[in-house]
Amino acid sequence: MNDNEQRILNYLGDKILSNRWKEYEKIHLLIMRSELNKDEYLDMCDKLRELEKEIESTLSGRALAIKRKEMYRDIIDRDKKTLERTQ
């Protein structure tokens, strides 16, 4: 993964997280400030759980991409060292 790909991944991840957190906060405030009936309350809580899963998934995806980049860098470094030793 090159630097441009990393920048795009970070930008998109930040944008997705930002939007999800805004939606999460909006629903959370609505729940805390409103007189909701039981069905509305349960629907809102379900929506919060879904958003939590999406946020966690986005964070996990970013962490995996970073680990993958580090793994590729390690492989390239190891191959360079091996090549240097054989020369």
N, C-alpha and C. Protein backbone atom coordinates (compact mmCIF):
# COMPACT_ATOMS: atom_id res chain seq x y z
N MET A 1 0.85 -1.17 0.00
CA MET A 1 0.00 0.00 0.00
C MET A 1 0.90 1.24 0.00
N ASN A 2 0.67 2.13 -0.95
CA ASN A 2 1.51 3.32 -1.00
C ASN A 2 0.92 4.43 -0.14
N ASP A 3 1.64 5.54 -0.06
CA ASP A 3 1.21 6.64 0.81
C ASP A 3 -0.13 7.24 0.40
N ASN A 4 -0.35 7.34 -0.91
CA ASN A 4 -1.64 7.89 -1.37
C ASN A 4 -2.80 6.99 -0.98
N GLU A 5 -2.60 5.69 -1.12
CA GLU A 5 -3.64 4.75 -0.70
C GLU A 5 -3.90 4.88 0.79
N GLN A 6 -2.83 5.01 1.57
CA GLN A 6 -2.97 5.16 3.02
C GLN A 6 -3.73 6.44 3.36
N ARG A 7 -3.40 7.53 2.68
CA ARG A 7 -4.10 8.79 2.93
C ARG A 7 -5.59 8.67 2.62
N ILE A 8 -5.90 8.03 1.50
CA ILE A 8 -7.31 7.85 1.11
C ILE A 8 -8.02 6.99 2.14
N LEU A 9 -7.38 5.90 2.55
CA LEU A 9 -7.98 5.02 3.56
C LEU A 9 -8.23 5.78 4.86
N ASN A 10 -7.26 6.55 5.30
CA ASN A 10 -7.43 7.34 6.52
C ASN A 10 -8.54 8.36 6.38
N TYR A 11 -8.57 9.05 5.24
CA TYR A 11 -9.61 10.06 5.02
C TYR A 11 -11.00 9.43 5.05
N LEU A 12 -11.16 8.35 4.30
CA LEU A 12 -12.48 7.69 4.26
C LEU A 12 -12.86 7.13 5.62
N GLY A 13 -11.91 6.54 6.31
CA GLY A 13 -12.19 6.02 7.64
C GLY A 13 -12.59 7.12 8.59
N ASP A 14 -11.88 8.25 8.54
CA ASP A 14 -12.23 9.38 9.40
C ASP A 14 -13.61 9.91 9.07
N LYS A 15 -13.92 10.00 7.78
CA LYS A 15 -15.21 10.53 7.34
C LYS A 15 -16.35 9.60 7.79
N ILE A 16 -16.16 8.31 7.60
CA ILE A 16 -17.17 7.34 8.01
C ILE A 16 -17.38 7.40 9.52
N LEU A 17 -16.27 7.39 10.27
CA LEU A 17 -16.39 7.45 11.73
C LEU A 17 -17.06 8.73 12.19
N SER A 18 -16.69 9.83 11.58
CA SER A 18 -17.27 11.11 11.95
C SER A 18 -18.78 11.11 11.73
N ASN A 19 -19.20 10.62 10.59
CA ASN A 19 -20.63 10.57 10.29
C ASN A 19 -21.37 9.62 11.22
N ARG A 20 -20.78 8.47 11.48
CA ARG A 20 -21.42 7.49 12.37
C ARG A 20 -21.53 8.05 13.78
N TRP A 21 -20.46 8.71 14.28
CA TRP A 21 -20.50 9.27 15.64
C TRP A 21 -21.54 10.38 15.73
N LYS A 22 -21.66 11.21 14.69
CA LYS A 22 -22.68 12.27 14.70
C LYS A 22 -24.07 11.66 14.81
N GLU A 23 -24.30 10.61 14.02
CA GLU A 23 -25.60 9.93 14.06
C GLU A 23 -25.83 9.29 15.42
N TYR A 24 -24.80 8.65 15.96
CA TYR A 24 -24.89 8.01 17.27
C TYR A 24 -25.24 9.04 18.35
N GLU A 25 -24.51 10.17 18.36
CA GLU A 25 -24.77 11.20 19.36
C GLU A 25 -26.17 11.78 19.23
N LYS A 26 -26.61 11.97 18.00
CA LYS A 26 -27.95 12.51 17.77
C LYS A 26 -29.03 11.58 18.35
N ILE A 27 -28.90 10.31 18.08
CA ILE A 27 -29.88 9.34 18.59
C ILE A 27 -29.77 9.24 20.11
N HIS A 28 -28.55 9.22 20.62
CA HIS A 28 -28.36 9.12 22.07
C HIS A 28 -29.00 10.31 22.78
N LEU A 29 -28.78 11.51 22.26
CA LEU A 29 -29.40 12.70 22.86
C LEU A 29 -30.92 12.64 22.78
N LEU A 30 -31.43 12.16 21.67
CA LEU A 30 -32.87 12.02 21.52
C LEU A 30 -33.44 11.07 22.58
N ILE A 31 -32.76 9.98 22.79
CA ILE A 31 -33.21 9.02 23.81
C ILE A 31 -33.18 9.66 25.20
N MET A 32 -32.10 10.35 25.51
CA MET A 32 -31.94 10.91 26.85
C MET A 32 -32.88 12.10 27.12
N ARG A 33 -33.22 12.84 26.10
CA ARG A 33 -34.02 14.06 26.29
C ARG A 33 -35.51 13.89 26.02
N SER A 34 -35.88 12.77 25.50
CA SER A 34 -37.26 12.62 25.05
C SER A 34 -38.07 11.70 25.95
N GLU A 35 -39.34 11.91 25.83
CA GLU A 35 -40.31 10.99 26.43
C GLU A 35 -40.73 10.03 25.32
N LEU A 36 -40.06 8.94 25.23
CA LEU A 36 -40.35 7.98 24.17
C LEU A 36 -41.23 6.87 24.73
N ASN A 37 -42.09 6.37 23.86
CA ASN A 37 -42.82 5.18 24.30
C ASN A 37 -41.89 3.98 24.19
N LYS A 38 -42.30 2.88 24.75
CA LYS A 38 -41.42 1.72 24.84
C LYS A 38 -40.92 1.25 23.47
N ASP A 39 -41.79 1.20 22.48
CA ASP A 39 -41.39 0.73 21.15
C ASP A 39 -40.37 1.68 20.51
N GLU A 40 -40.61 2.99 20.64
CA GLU A 40 -39.67 3.96 20.10
C GLU A 40 -38.31 3.85 20.79
N TYR A 41 -38.36 3.69 22.09
CA TYR A 41 -37.13 3.55 22.88
C TYR A 41 -36.34 2.33 22.43
N LEU A 42 -37.02 1.21 22.28
CA LEU A 42 -36.35 -0.02 21.86
C LEU A 42 -35.78 0.12 20.45
N ASP A 43 -36.53 0.77 19.55
CA ASP A 43 -36.04 1.01 18.19
C ASP A 43 -34.77 1.86 18.20
N MET A 44 -34.77 2.90 19.02
CA MET A 44 -33.61 3.78 19.11
C MET A 44 -32.40 3.04 19.70
N CYS A 45 -32.64 2.22 20.70
CA CYS A 45 -31.55 1.44 21.29
C CYS A 45 -30.97 0.45 20.27
N ASP A 46 -31.85 -0.15 19.45
CA ASP A 46 -31.39 -1.05 18.39
C ASP A 46 -30.53 -0.31 17.39
N LYS A 47 -30.96 0.90 17.03
CA LYS A 47 -30.19 1.71 16.09
C LYS A 47 -28.81 2.05 16.67
N LEU A 48 -28.76 2.38 17.96
CA LEU A 48 -27.48 2.66 18.60
C LEU A 48 -26.56 1.44 18.56
N ARG A 49 -27.12 0.27 18.81
CA ARG A 49 -26.31 -0.95 18.76
C ARG A 49 -25.75 -1.18 17.35
N GLU A 50 -26.59 -0.94 16.33
CA GLU A 50 -26.13 -1.09 14.95
C GLU A 50 -24.99 -0.12 14.64
N LEU A 51 -25.14 1.11 15.09
CA LEU A 51 -24.09 2.10 14.86
C LEU A 51 -22.81 1.73 15.60
N GLU A 52 -22.94 1.23 16.81
CA GLU A 52 -21.76 0.78 17.55
C GLU A 52 -21.02 -0.31 16.78
N LYS A 53 -21.77 -1.24 16.19
CA LYS A 53 -21.15 -2.31 15.41
C LYS A 53 -20.45 -1.75 14.18
N GLU A 54 -21.09 -0.79 13.50
CA GLU A 54 -20.48 -0.19 12.31
C GLU A 54 -19.22 0.58 12.67
N ILE A 55 -19.25 1.30 13.77
CA ILE A 55 -18.07 2.04 14.21
C ILE A 55 -16.95 1.07 14.55
N GLU A 56 -17.27 0.02 15.28
CA GLU A 56 -16.26 -0.98 15.64
C GLU A 56 -15.70 -1.66 14.39
N SER A 57 -16.55 -1.94 13.43
CA SER A 57 -16.11 -2.56 12.18
C SER A 57 -15.16 -1.64 11.42
N THR A 58 -15.49 -0.35 11.38
CA THR A 58 -14.62 0.61 10.70
C THR A 58 -13.27 0.69 11.38
N LEU A 59 -13.28 0.76 12.70
CA LEU A 59 -12.02 0.81 13.45
C LEU A 59 -11.20 -0.46 13.24
N SER A 60 -11.87 -1.60 13.23
CA SER A 60 -11.17 -2.87 13.02
C SER A 60 -10.57 -2.92 11.62
N GLY A 61 -11.34 -2.46 10.63
CA GLY A 61 -10.85 -2.45 9.25
C GLY A 61 -9.62 -1.58 9.10
N ARG A 62 -9.63 -0.43 9.75
CA ARG A 62 -8.46 0.46 9.68
C ARG A 62 -7.27 -0.19 10.36
N ALA A 63 -7.50 -0.83 11.49
CA ALA A 63 -6.40 -1.49 12.20
C ALA A 63 -5.82 -2.62 11.35
N LEU A 64 -6.68 -3.37 10.67
CA LEU A 64 -6.19 -4.46 9.81
C LEU A 64 -5.37 -3.91 8.64
N ALA A 65 -5.83 -2.81 8.07
CA ALA A 65 -5.10 -2.21 6.94
C ALA A 65 -3.72 -1.74 7.40
N ILE A 66 -3.65 -1.16 8.57
CA ILE A 66 -2.36 -0.70 9.10
C ILE A 66 -1.45 -1.89 9.37
N LYS A 67 -2.00 -2.96 9.96
CA LYS A 67 -1.19 -4.16 10.22
C LYS A 67 -0.69 -4.77 8.91
N ARG A 68 -1.58 -4.79 7.90
CA ARG A 68 -1.20 -5.35 6.61
C ARG A 68 -0.05 -4.54 5.99
N LYS A 69 -0.14 -3.21 6.10
CA LYS A 69 0.93 -2.36 5.58
C LYS A 69 2.25 -2.65 6.30
N GLU A 70 2.20 -2.80 7.61
CA GLU A 70 3.41 -3.10 8.39
C GLU A 70 3.96 -4.48 8.01
N MET A 71 3.07 -5.44 7.78
CA MET A 71 3.50 -6.77 7.41
C MET A 71 4.22 -6.73 6.06
N TYR A 72 3.65 -6.01 5.08
CA TYR A 72 4.29 -5.90 3.78
C TYR A 72 5.65 -5.23 3.89
N ARG A 73 5.74 -4.20 4.72
CA ARG A 73 7.01 -3.51 4.92
C ARG A 73 8.04 -4.47 5.52
N ASP A 74 7.62 -5.28 6.48
CA ASP A 74 8.53 -6.26 7.10
C ASP A 74 9.01 -7.29 6.08
N ILE A 75 8.09 -7.74 5.22
CA ILE A 75 8.46 -8.73 4.20
C ILE A 75 9.47 -8.13 3.22
N ILE A 76 9.22 -6.89 2.80
CA ILE A 76 10.14 -6.23 1.87
C ILE A 76 11.50 -6.04 2.53
N ASP A 77 11.51 -5.60 3.79
CA ASP A 77 12.79 -5.43 4.50
C ASP A 77 13.53 -6.75 4.63
N ARG A 78 12.82 -7.82 4.94
CA ARG A 78 13.44 -9.13 5.08
C ARG A 78 14.02 -9.60 3.75
N ASP A 79 13.26 -9.37 2.66
CA ASP A 79 13.75 -9.76 1.34
C ASP A 79 14.98 -8.97 0.94
N LYS A 80 15.01 -7.68 1.28
CA LYS A 80 16.18 -6.85 0.99
C LYS A 80 17.41 -7.38 1.74
N LYS A 81 17.23 -7.72 3.01
CA LYS A 81 18.34 -8.24 3.81
C LYS A 81 18.84 -9.55 3.25
N THR A 82 17.91 -10.39 2.85
CA THR A 82 18.29 -11.69 2.28
C THR A 82 19.06 -11.48 0.98
N LEU A 83 18.59 -10.56 0.16
CA LEU A 83 19.27 -10.26 -1.10
C LEU A 83 20.68 -9.68 -0.85
N GLU A 84 20.80 -8.81 0.14
CA GLU A 84 22.11 -8.23 0.46
C GLU A 84 23.09 -9.30 0.92
N ARG A 85 22.59 -10.26 1.71
CA ARG A 85 23.47 -11.32 2.20
C ARG A 85 23.95 -12.24 1.08
N THR A 86 23.13 -12.44 0.08
CA THR A 86 23.50 -13.36 -1.01
C THR A 86 24.42 -12.69 -2.03
N GLN A 87 24.52 -11.37 -1.96
CA GLN A 87 25.38 -10.68 -2.94
C GLN A 87 26.78 -10.56 -2.44
